[in-house]
Each structure stands twice: as C-alpha cells, then as structure tokens.
C-alpha cells in the first residue's frame, strides 16, 4: 500500500480539542501539536499515522501500542520511500512528541533539553542527543536566503547552560502579562539560536518550551502550535537576525504575537508573509526567490462602484496583477491566484525541500491537471527545476 501523506492544513484532531472528556481532549492536543510541529521541516505524516493516533485518542489502543504499530508498519514496508516526503521521520517523531507532551515529568536543565532531542530522534538521526561539533548556516526564505548566525560549535554547551542559569534565576513576580510574554519570547529565541544540534532544533525547542510553560502555570492546550508551527520557526528566525545595511533589526514582536495567541487565546492573525524581511507584501514590488519573479504591482484603480462597504467591511475588487518574466523570449503572465500559490509553496519548501505534484495537490487543494499546469508554468519561468535521484517528477525552487 502506498504511504499516503496527509495535508495538515486540515487538522483531523481539532474536534478532539473541544471534547468534554479531558482524556480525549488532552490526547487530541498532544497528537495535534506533535504532528503540526513536523511542518517546521516541511514534513507531513502518513494516513496510517493519523488513523493510529485517532485509535489512541478514542481509547482503543495505548500510546505505546500506537508507537509499536507505527514501528512495525515501517519495518514491513519496502525500503524505497520518497526521500522528499520523509514520512517515516514525521510519523515516528510525531508519536514521540505526543508521548512527551503526555508526560508531566520535567526538569529545567541542559540534560533534559538534550534528552528530549535523543528521545525524539533516536534511530532517525545518528547525532540524536549529541551536541554538534561543527558550525552551521541555513538559508531562510524569510531572510531572502540569508542565514541566522547560530552558536559557535566550541561554546554550545556552556552557552546553553548560561541561558538556563539566567532563566532559572529570573523572577516573574510583579510583572505584567505583556512583560512576561516579552521575556518568554526573548528566552525561547535565545535558546533556539544556539542550535545545539545538527538537525531537529526547532522541534526539540518547542517541546521543551511547552513543558516549561506548564511549570509556569500555562495550560497550553490550544491548536496554536499545531496550526502555526512554521510561523513559530520564522518568528524565531526574525528574533535572531540583524542587517543594518538593509535596515533589518532582530525583533521579538512576531514571537510575542504568537505567544499571546498561545497563552492568552487571543486571535491575532499569523501570516508568514508578514515576516519576510523585504517587506514585499507591503511594497509595490514583490521579489520572490531573490529576483526570480519580479512583480510590478500596478496601482489599483478603485472605482466608487467597486468598493462595497457592509457593516464596516470593505470589499475591494483587486485587479489582475501582470507579472512578465521572459524566458527564452516567451512571456508568462501570472495571476494573483498563481502568485499566492507560489508564496504558499515557497513557505512550505523554501530553497532546499524537494516536492512533487502530489504535494502541490495536497497543499493547494488542486486537481491533478491544475497542479501539472502550475508545475509547467513554474518550469518555463525558471522558478523551479527538476531534481533527479528522488523518483520521477520531483522539483525544487531554483536559487
């Protein structure tokens, strides 16, 4: 049976978060968050994992039995699984995060942080639970391809221990909620910036942070992490990046908005595009992938009859945006809808992730013909390129 991946834009566990039975609601939150966090690395779970998780939430099997079923499922499967889907990693790590979030035990320490990484990635990464001994950079879509400056390999453990020591000695007494949220944003952004492991830092940080928040009296049982994991990661990036020449300064404002939704159940809108350092969604010029797509937005000609105000809501009819990108003498005209599709795919895959038609169909909810047409247009515009060695019909965004 083909390992069908699931579009997590539609959370199959959301109904359980509203359950009157505390046990079901708690399990639903743990699984929903666990699976949602896979989005920080562009991973999606299999249908088998979803079905198994629901059996656990319904009380038909224990969490340990669910993990055993998932392990057996992959032991019995053929070896060739599409490298870009990495569903085995998504499934196994999801079940382990669900387990960790179901446990009350927690110690605010360096060893606990390292232990969480080991438990999440044992048997998946060779470096599970091991501090990296090399320096790293990672191209970020939100930074237009630039990288955060991560912790130096020679100072990782001492830096981590210093941050924990500082936080352990910090007093929240007498602080307003705004001050508390600002401090928590600073703490988690610094913890993440160290990037003590080769891979899996964001998921480890998120699990540790959720468990720490519980010790501070926050229940953290809503769907914010499940639905906005990629925003959380991009907010961490923006909290740790400065480029004075471009007028970009590190800021925790995006993390604070995320935390207000998480901890106070506020309903602030969380859009990844608003975090992009170019400010391209506010400017007249949109530059996707460092110049690959040049959008010259025409001034909207808003006629009196096109603005419909009902109950305070303004509905502006947006004209088609013409983008001309000439490749080999051929001009391709993208609509606003296509631009939105490019943006969504870009947020999911960035520069490095590989994807195929099925992933585009799932993410954008397109039919096969629509996904194929989009791929064809992006190939002609030199925005994506074919990738070999990962099965037929695989692509990545061109740098």
Protein backbone atom coordinates (compact mmCIF):
# COMPACT_ATOMS: atom_id res chain seq x y z
CA UNK A 1 0.00 0.00 0.00
CA UNK A 2 1.34 3.42 -0.94
CA UNK A 3 2.22 5.61 2.02
CA UNK A 4 -0.33 8.37 1.56
CA UNK A 5 0.68 11.67 3.14
CA UNK A 6 -1.82 13.98 4.77
CA UNK A 7 -2.50 17.67 4.21
CA UNK A 8 -2.23 19.13 7.70
CA UNK A 9 -3.88 22.36 6.60
CA UNK A 10 -6.98 20.45 7.73
CA UNK A 11 -6.36 19.34 11.31
CA UNK A 12 -8.06 15.95 11.80
CA UNK A 13 -7.77 16.35 15.58
CA UNK A 14 -9.43 19.73 16.00
CA UNK A 15 -12.74 18.21 17.08
CA UNK A 16 -11.00 16.46 19.96
CA UNK A 17 -9.71 19.76 21.36
CA UNK A 18 -13.32 20.64 22.10
CA UNK A 19 -14.05 17.28 23.74
CA UNK A 20 -15.82 17.33 27.10
CA UNK A 21 -13.82 14.26 28.13
CA UNK A 22 -10.49 15.59 29.49
CA UNK A 23 -8.56 12.47 28.47
CA UNK A 24 -9.63 12.71 24.82
CA UNK A 25 -9.01 16.46 24.74
CA UNK A 26 -5.51 16.03 26.22
CA UNK A 27 -4.59 13.26 23.78
CA UNK A 28 -6.06 15.24 20.90
CA UNK A 29 -3.90 18.24 21.82
CA UNK A 30 -0.76 16.11 22.16
CA UNK A 31 -1.20 14.46 18.76
CA UNK A 32 -2.32 17.63 17.01
CA UNK A 33 0.68 19.58 18.27
CA UNK A 34 3.08 16.70 17.63
CA UNK A 35 2.02 16.35 14.01
CA UNK A 36 1.73 20.08 13.38
CA UNK A 37 5.33 20.61 14.52
CA UNK A 38 6.60 18.47 11.65
CA UNK A 39 5.81 21.41 9.37
CA UNK A 40 8.89 23.28 10.62
CA UNK A 41 10.95 20.88 8.48
CA UNK A 42 8.41 20.58 5.69
CA UNK A 43 7.35 17.09 6.79
CA UNK A 44 3.87 15.59 6.59
CA UNK A 45 2.52 12.49 8.33
CA UNK A 46 1.06 9.43 6.66
CA UNK A 47 -2.61 8.50 6.68
CA UNK A 48 -1.62 5.43 8.70
CA UNK A 49 -0.20 7.63 11.46
CA UNK A 50 -3.40 9.72 11.59
CA UNK A 51 -5.61 6.64 11.81
CA UNK A 52 -3.40 5.13 14.51
CA UNK A 53 -3.41 8.36 16.51
CA UNK A 54 -7.21 8.52 16.38
CA UNK A 55 -7.40 4.96 17.74
CA UNK A 56 -5.27 6.11 20.67
CA UNK A 57 -7.38 9.22 21.29
CA UNK A 58 -10.53 7.10 21.23
CA UNK A 59 -9.04 4.82 23.88
CA UNK A 60 -8.88 1.75 21.65
CA UNK A 61 -5.10 1.39 21.99
CA UNK A 62 -2.47 2.82 24.33
CA UNK A 63 0.17 5.29 23.19
CA UNK A 64 2.84 2.60 23.49
CA UNK A 65 0.74 0.27 21.32
CA UNK A 66 0.35 3.07 18.79
CA UNK A 67 4.13 3.51 18.65
CA UNK A 68 4.64 -0.24 18.23
CA UNK A 69 2.16 -0.29 15.33
CA UNK A 70 3.98 2.59 13.64
CA UNK A 71 7.37 0.91 14.10
CA UNK A 72 6.02 -2.38 12.70
CA UNK A 73 4.44 -0.56 9.77
CA UNK A 74 7.81 0.77 8.63
CA UNK A 75 9.67 -2.47 9.34
CA UNK A 76 7.32 -4.29 6.97
CA UNK A 77 7.36 -1.65 4.24
CA UNK A 78 9.57 -1.77 1.12
CA UNK A 79 12.79 0.19 1.56
CA UNK A 80 12.08 2.77 -1.16
CA UNK A 81 10.16 5.65 0.37
CA UNK A 82 10.30 9.02 -1.41
CA UNK A 83 13.12 10.97 0.17
CA UNK A 84 11.24 14.24 -0.07
CA UNK A 85 8.28 13.01 1.96
CA UNK A 86 10.34 11.64 4.85
CA UNK A 87 7.09 10.33 6.23
CA UNK A 88 8.78 7.74 8.44
CA UNK A 89 10.55 10.52 10.31
CA UNK A 90 7.34 12.55 10.54
CA UNK A 91 5.35 9.58 11.86
CA UNK A 92 7.86 8.33 14.41
CA UNK A 93 8.80 11.76 15.73
CA UNK A 94 5.12 12.71 15.97
CA UNK A 95 4.39 9.69 18.15
CA UNK A 96 7.36 10.52 20.37
CA UNK A 97 6.34 14.17 20.78
CA UNK A 98 2.82 13.00 21.66
CA UNK A 99 4.35 10.77 24.32
CA UNK A 100 6.50 13.57 25.76
CA UNK A 101 3.57 16.00 25.85
CA UNK A 102 1.51 13.38 27.66
CA UNK A 103 4.06 13.14 30.48
CA UNK A 104 4.08 15.51 33.44
CA UNK A 105 7.72 14.83 34.34
CA UNK A 106 10.07 17.70 33.51
CA UNK A 107 13.39 19.14 34.64
CA UNK A 108 14.53 22.62 33.62
CA UNK A 109 18.08 21.67 32.71
CA UNK A 110 20.58 21.19 29.92
CA UNK A 111 20.36 17.42 30.32
CA UNK A 112 16.57 17.50 29.91
CA UNK A 113 16.89 19.51 26.71
CA UNK A 114 19.45 17.08 25.28
CA UNK A 115 17.39 14.10 26.46
CA UNK A 116 14.32 15.36 24.59
CA UNK A 117 16.32 15.51 21.35
CA UNK A 118 17.61 11.97 21.96
CA UNK A 119 14.11 10.62 22.60
CA UNK A 120 12.67 12.32 19.53
CA UNK A 121 15.31 11.33 17.01
CA UNK A 122 16.85 8.07 18.26
CA UNK A 123 17.18 5.72 15.29
CA UNK A 124 16.39 8.56 12.88
CA UNK A 125 19.44 10.83 13.21
CA UNK A 126 22.86 9.41 14.02
CA UNK A 127 23.52 12.51 16.10
CA UNK A 128 20.37 12.13 18.25
CA UNK A 129 21.13 13.63 21.66
CA UNK A 130 24.61 14.73 20.59
CA UNK A 131 25.86 18.30 20.57
CA UNK A 132 27.15 19.29 17.14
CA UNK A 133 30.90 19.76 16.72
CA UNK A 134 30.73 21.84 13.55
CA UNK A 135 29.36 25.26 12.64
CA UNK A 136 26.21 25.61 10.55
CA UNK A 137 24.29 28.02 8.33
CA UNK A 138 20.77 27.60 6.97
CA UNK A 139 19.23 29.57 4.13
CA UNK A 140 15.93 31.08 5.23
CA UNK A 141 13.09 32.09 2.96
CA UNK A 142 12.01 34.73 5.46
CA UNK A 143 15.51 36.27 5.25
CA UNK A 144 15.63 36.22 1.44
CA UNK A 145 18.15 33.37 1.53
CA UNK A 146 20.35 34.71 4.33
CA UNK A 147 21.12 32.72 7.49
CA UNK A 148 20.88 33.37 11.19
CA UNK A 149 24.27 33.34 12.93
CA UNK A 150 23.99 30.27 15.13
CA UNK A 151 26.01 29.37 18.22
CA UNK A 152 29.69 28.57 17.81
CA UNK A 153 30.42 24.82 17.96
CA UNK A 154 33.13 25.33 20.57
CA UNK A 155 30.78 27.10 23.02
CA UNK A 156 27.45 25.33 22.64
CA UNK A 157 27.07 23.56 25.98
CA UNK A 158 28.42 26.44 28.03
CA UNK A 159 26.12 28.88 26.20
CA UNK A 160 23.10 26.64 26.79
CA UNK A 161 23.94 26.24 30.48
CA UNK A 162 24.38 30.01 30.85
CA UNK A 163 20.94 30.68 29.35
CA UNK A 164 19.34 28.12 31.66
CA UNK A 165 21.12 29.61 34.66
CA UNK A 166 19.88 33.09 33.77
CA UNK A 167 16.30 31.92 33.29
CA UNK A 168 16.32 29.83 36.46
CA UNK A 169 17.29 32.90 38.46
CA UNK A 170 14.76 35.20 36.80
CA UNK A 171 11.77 36.37 38.82
CA UNK A 172 8.40 36.91 37.14
CA UNK A 173 6.96 38.36 40.33
CA UNK A 174 5.19 41.68 39.84
CA UNK A 175 5.43 41.62 36.04
CA UNK A 176 2.51 42.47 33.80
CA UNK A 177 1.42 39.83 31.28
CA UNK A 178 2.94 41.94 28.48
CA UNK A 179 6.30 41.89 30.29
CA UNK A 180 6.04 38.15 30.95
CA UNK A 181 5.33 37.40 27.30
CA UNK A 182 8.18 39.63 26.14
CA UNK A 183 10.61 37.88 28.47
CA UNK A 184 9.44 34.42 27.40
CA UNK A 185 9.90 35.43 23.75
CA UNK A 186 13.47 36.56 24.47
CA UNK A 187 14.23 33.36 26.38
CA UNK A 188 12.94 30.91 23.75
CA UNK A 189 14.53 32.85 20.88
CA UNK A 190 17.94 32.74 22.57
CA UNK A 191 17.54 29.06 23.39
CA UNK A 192 16.73 28.29 19.76
CA UNK A 193 19.52 30.50 18.35
CA UNK A 194 22.18 28.33 19.99
CA UNK A 195 21.05 25.50 17.68
CA UNK A 196 22.93 22.96 19.71
CA UNK A 197 22.09 20.03 17.39
CA UNK A 198 22.76 19.38 13.72
CA UNK A 199 19.03 18.91 12.98
CA UNK A 200 15.79 18.86 14.94
CA UNK A 201 16.42 22.02 16.97
CA UNK A 202 13.04 23.68 16.46
CA UNK A 203 11.00 20.61 17.36
CA UNK A 204 13.16 19.98 20.43
CA UNK A 205 12.89 23.62 21.50
CA UNK A 206 9.11 23.63 21.02
CA UNK A 207 8.58 20.51 23.14
CA UNK A 208 10.90 21.77 25.88
CA UNK A 209 9.25 25.20 25.84
CA UNK A 210 5.70 23.80 26.06
CA UNK A 211 6.67 21.66 29.05
CA UNK A 212 8.43 24.63 30.69
CA UNK A 213 5.35 26.84 30.17
CA UNK A 214 3.30 24.27 32.05
CA UNK A 215 5.56 24.64 35.07
CA UNK A 216 4.79 28.38 34.97
CA UNK A 217 1.06 27.68 35.15
CA UNK A 218 0.12 27.95 31.47
CA UNK A 219 -2.05 25.09 30.21
CA UNK A 220 -1.00 25.41 26.54
CA UNK A 221 -3.79 23.19 25.25
CA UNK A 222 -4.98 25.05 22.16
CA UNK A 223 -4.18 24.47 18.49
CA UNK A 224 -1.74 27.37 18.00
CA UNK A 225 1.41 25.24 17.67
CA UNK A 226 -0.41 22.66 15.57
CA UNK A 227 -1.61 25.24 13.05
CA UNK A 228 1.26 27.74 13.12
CA UNK A 229 4.49 25.78 13.61
CA UNK A 230 6.09 27.31 10.51
CA UNK A 231 5.20 30.80 11.73
CA UNK A 232 6.81 29.94 15.09
CA UNK A 233 10.04 29.00 13.35
CA UNK A 234 10.05 32.09 11.14
CA UNK A 235 9.38 34.26 14.19
CA UNK A 236 12.40 32.68 15.90
CA UNK A 237 14.46 33.49 12.82
CA UNK A 238 13.36 37.14 12.82
CA UNK A 239 14.18 37.40 16.54
CA UNK A 240 17.78 36.48 15.75
CA UNK A 241 18.67 38.37 12.58
CA UNK A 242 20.04 41.86 12.02
CA UNK A 243 21.24 43.51 8.82
CA UNK A 244 21.88 47.18 9.44
CA UNK A 245 22.61 47.91 5.78
CA UNK A 246 19.11 46.73 4.88
CA UNK A 247 17.52 48.32 7.91
CA UNK A 248 16.57 44.94 9.40
CA UNK A 249 16.74 44.55 13.17
CA UNK A 250 16.16 41.49 15.33
CA UNK A 251 12.74 41.67 16.91
CA UNK A 252 10.59 39.52 19.19
CA UNK A 253 7.38 41.23 18.08
CA UNK A 254 6.28 38.26 15.95
CA UNK A 255 7.05 35.75 18.69
CA UNK A 256 5.09 37.86 21.15
CA UNK A 257 2.03 37.87 18.90
CA UNK A 258 2.35 34.08 18.60
CA UNK A 259 2.64 33.74 22.39
CA UNK A 260 -0.37 35.97 23.00
CA UNK A 261 -2.43 33.58 20.89
CA UNK A 262 -0.87 30.56 22.59
CA UNK A 263 -1.09 31.70 26.19
CA UNK A 264 -3.95 34.21 26.24
CA UNK A 265 -6.12 32.69 23.49
CA UNK A 266 -6.04 35.94 21.52
CA UNK A 267 -6.96 35.77 17.84
CA UNK A 268 -4.16 37.76 16.23
CA UNK A 269 -3.63 36.85 12.57
CA UNK A 270 -0.40 34.94 11.95
CA UNK A 271 0.81 35.23 8.36
CA UNK A 272 4.28 34.06 7.35
CA UNK A 273 4.43 36.58 4.53
CA UNK A 274 4.34 39.44 7.05
CA UNK A 275 7.67 38.22 8.49
CA UNK A 276 9.63 38.47 5.23
CA UNK A 277 12.46 40.98 5.66
CA UNK A 278 11.89 42.63 2.30
CA UNK A 279 8.51 43.95 3.38
CA UNK A 280 7.45 42.83 -0.08
CA UNK A 281 3.84 42.31 0.88
CA UNK A 282 3.53 45.98 1.77
CA UNK A 283 5.59 47.42 -1.06
CA UNK A 284 4.73 47.87 -4.70
CA UNK A 285 7.46 45.50 -5.78
CA UNK A 286 7.44 41.81 -4.91
CA UNK A 287 10.68 39.91 -5.32
CA UNK A 288 10.29 36.18 -4.78
CA UNK A 289 13.40 34.00 -4.51
CA UNK A 290 15.86 36.86 -4.67
CA UNK A 291 14.78 38.15 -8.06
CA UNK A 292 13.36 35.08 -9.76
CA UNK A 293 9.89 36.59 -10.01
CA UNK A 294 9.61 40.33 -10.34
CA UNK A 295 6.16 41.65 -9.56
CA UNK A 296 5.46 45.20 -10.67
CA UNK A 297 2.18 45.86 -9.00
CA UNK A 298 0.00 48.33 -10.79
CA UNK A 299 -1.82 50.87 -8.75
CA UNK A 300 -5.26 49.55 -8.07
CA UNK A 301 -7.88 51.59 -9.87
CA UNK A 302 -10.63 51.55 -7.29
CA UNK A 303 -13.79 52.97 -8.69
CA UNK A 304 -16.63 54.03 -6.48
CA UNK A 305 -18.74 51.13 -7.64
CA UNK A 306 -16.09 48.57 -6.81
CA UNK A 307 -15.91 49.32 -3.11
CA UNK A 308 -18.72 47.66 -1.22
CA UNK A 309 -18.94 48.61 2.44
CA UNK A 310 -21.26 46.45 4.50
CA UNK A 311 -21.24 46.53 8.26
CA UNK A 312 -17.81 48.13 8.31
CA UNK A 313 -16.29 45.56 5.97
CA UNK A 314 -14.58 46.88 2.86
CA UNK A 315 -14.53 44.53 -0.08
CA UNK A 316 -12.09 45.81 -2.70
CA UNK A 317 -12.11 44.17 -6.08
CA UNK A 318 -8.45 43.52 -6.81
CA UNK A 319 -7.41 43.75 -10.43
CA UNK A 320 -5.24 41.09 -12.01
CA UNK A 321 -1.57 41.68 -11.39
CA UNK A 322 0.56 41.34 -14.51
CA UNK A 323 3.97 39.81 -14.00
CA UNK A 324 6.13 39.46 -17.05
CA UNK A 325 9.04 37.10 -16.73
CA UNK A 326 10.69 36.42 -20.05
CA UNK A 327 12.39 33.08 -20.55
CA UNK A 328 13.72 32.26 -23.98
CA UNK A 329 11.67 35.05 -25.50
CA UNK A 330 8.41 33.73 -24.08
CA UNK A 331 6.42 35.89 -21.65
CA UNK A 332 4.45 34.22 -18.88
CA UNK A 333 1.60 36.11 -17.30
CA UNK A 334 0.85 35.12 -13.70
CA UNK A 335 -2.44 35.87 -11.99
CA UNK A 336 -2.78 36.95 -8.35
CA UNK A 337 -4.02 33.43 -7.53
CA UNK A 338 -0.88 31.88 -9.02
CA UNK A 339 1.29 34.29 -7.06
CA UNK A 340 -0.46 33.22 -3.90
CA UNK A 341 0.20 29.60 -4.81
CA UNK A 342 3.90 30.36 -5.33
CA UNK A 343 4.01 32.06 -1.95
CA UNK A 344 2.36 29.12 -0.18
CA UNK A 345 4.67 26.57 -1.81
CA UNK A 346 7.66 28.75 -1.03
CA UNK A 347 6.71 28.93 2.62
CA UNK A 348 6.41 25.14 2.73
CA UNK A 349 9.53 24.16 0.82
CA UNK A 350 11.93 27.12 0.72
CA UNK A 351 15.13 26.61 -1.22
CA UNK A 352 16.07 23.14 -0.09
CA UNK A 353 12.96 20.94 0.17
CA UNK A 354 12.02 18.68 -2.74
CA UNK A 355 8.40 18.24 -3.80
CA UNK A 356 6.22 16.65 -6.44
CA UNK A 357 2.80 17.01 -7.99
CA UNK A 358 1.00 15.13 -5.20
CA UNK A 359 2.40 17.50 -2.58
CA UNK A 360 1.23 20.51 -4.61
CA UNK A 361 -2.23 18.95 -4.96
CA UNK A 362 -2.45 18.39 -1.20
CA UNK A 363 -1.15 21.79 -0.12
CA UNK A 364 -3.01 23.93 -2.67
CA UNK A 365 -6.05 21.63 -2.94
CA UNK A 366 -5.67 21.46 -6.71
CA UNK A 367 -6.73 18.73 -9.09
CA UNK A 368 -4.06 16.76 -10.92
CA UNK A 369 -4.43 18.85 -14.07
CA UNK A 370 -4.17 22.13 -12.14
CA UNK A 371 -1.03 21.01 -10.31
CA UNK A 372 0.56 19.86 -13.58
CA UNK A 373 -0.21 23.20 -15.24
CA UNK A 374 1.30 25.11 -12.33
CA UNK A 375 4.47 22.98 -12.46
CA UNK A 376 4.73 23.59 -16.21
CA UNK A 377 4.41 27.35 -15.76
CA UNK A 378 6.98 27.48 -12.96
CA UNK A 379 9.43 25.41 -15.00
CA UNK A 380 9.03 27.72 -18.01
CA UNK A 381 9.52 30.76 -15.79
CA UNK A 382 12.74 29.23 -14.43
CA UNK A 383 11.38 29.39 -10.87
CA UNK A 384 11.68 25.66 -10.14
CA UNK A 385 13.92 22.97 -11.57
CA UNK A 386 13.69 19.18 -11.89
CA UNK A 387 15.60 17.09 -9.36
CA UNK A 388 16.99 13.65 -10.11
CA UNK A 389 17.59 10.79 -7.72
CA UNK A 390 14.33 11.19 -5.80
CA UNK A 391 11.90 9.46 -8.12
CA UNK A 392 10.04 10.73 -11.15
CA UNK A 393 8.54 14.23 -11.22
CA UNK A 394 10.40 15.89 -8.32
CA UNK A 395 11.31 19.58 -8.19
CA UNK A 396 12.82 22.28 -6.02
CA UNK A 397 12.90 26.09 -6.12
CA UNK A 398 15.90 27.46 -8.00
CA UNK A 399 18.37 29.64 -6.15
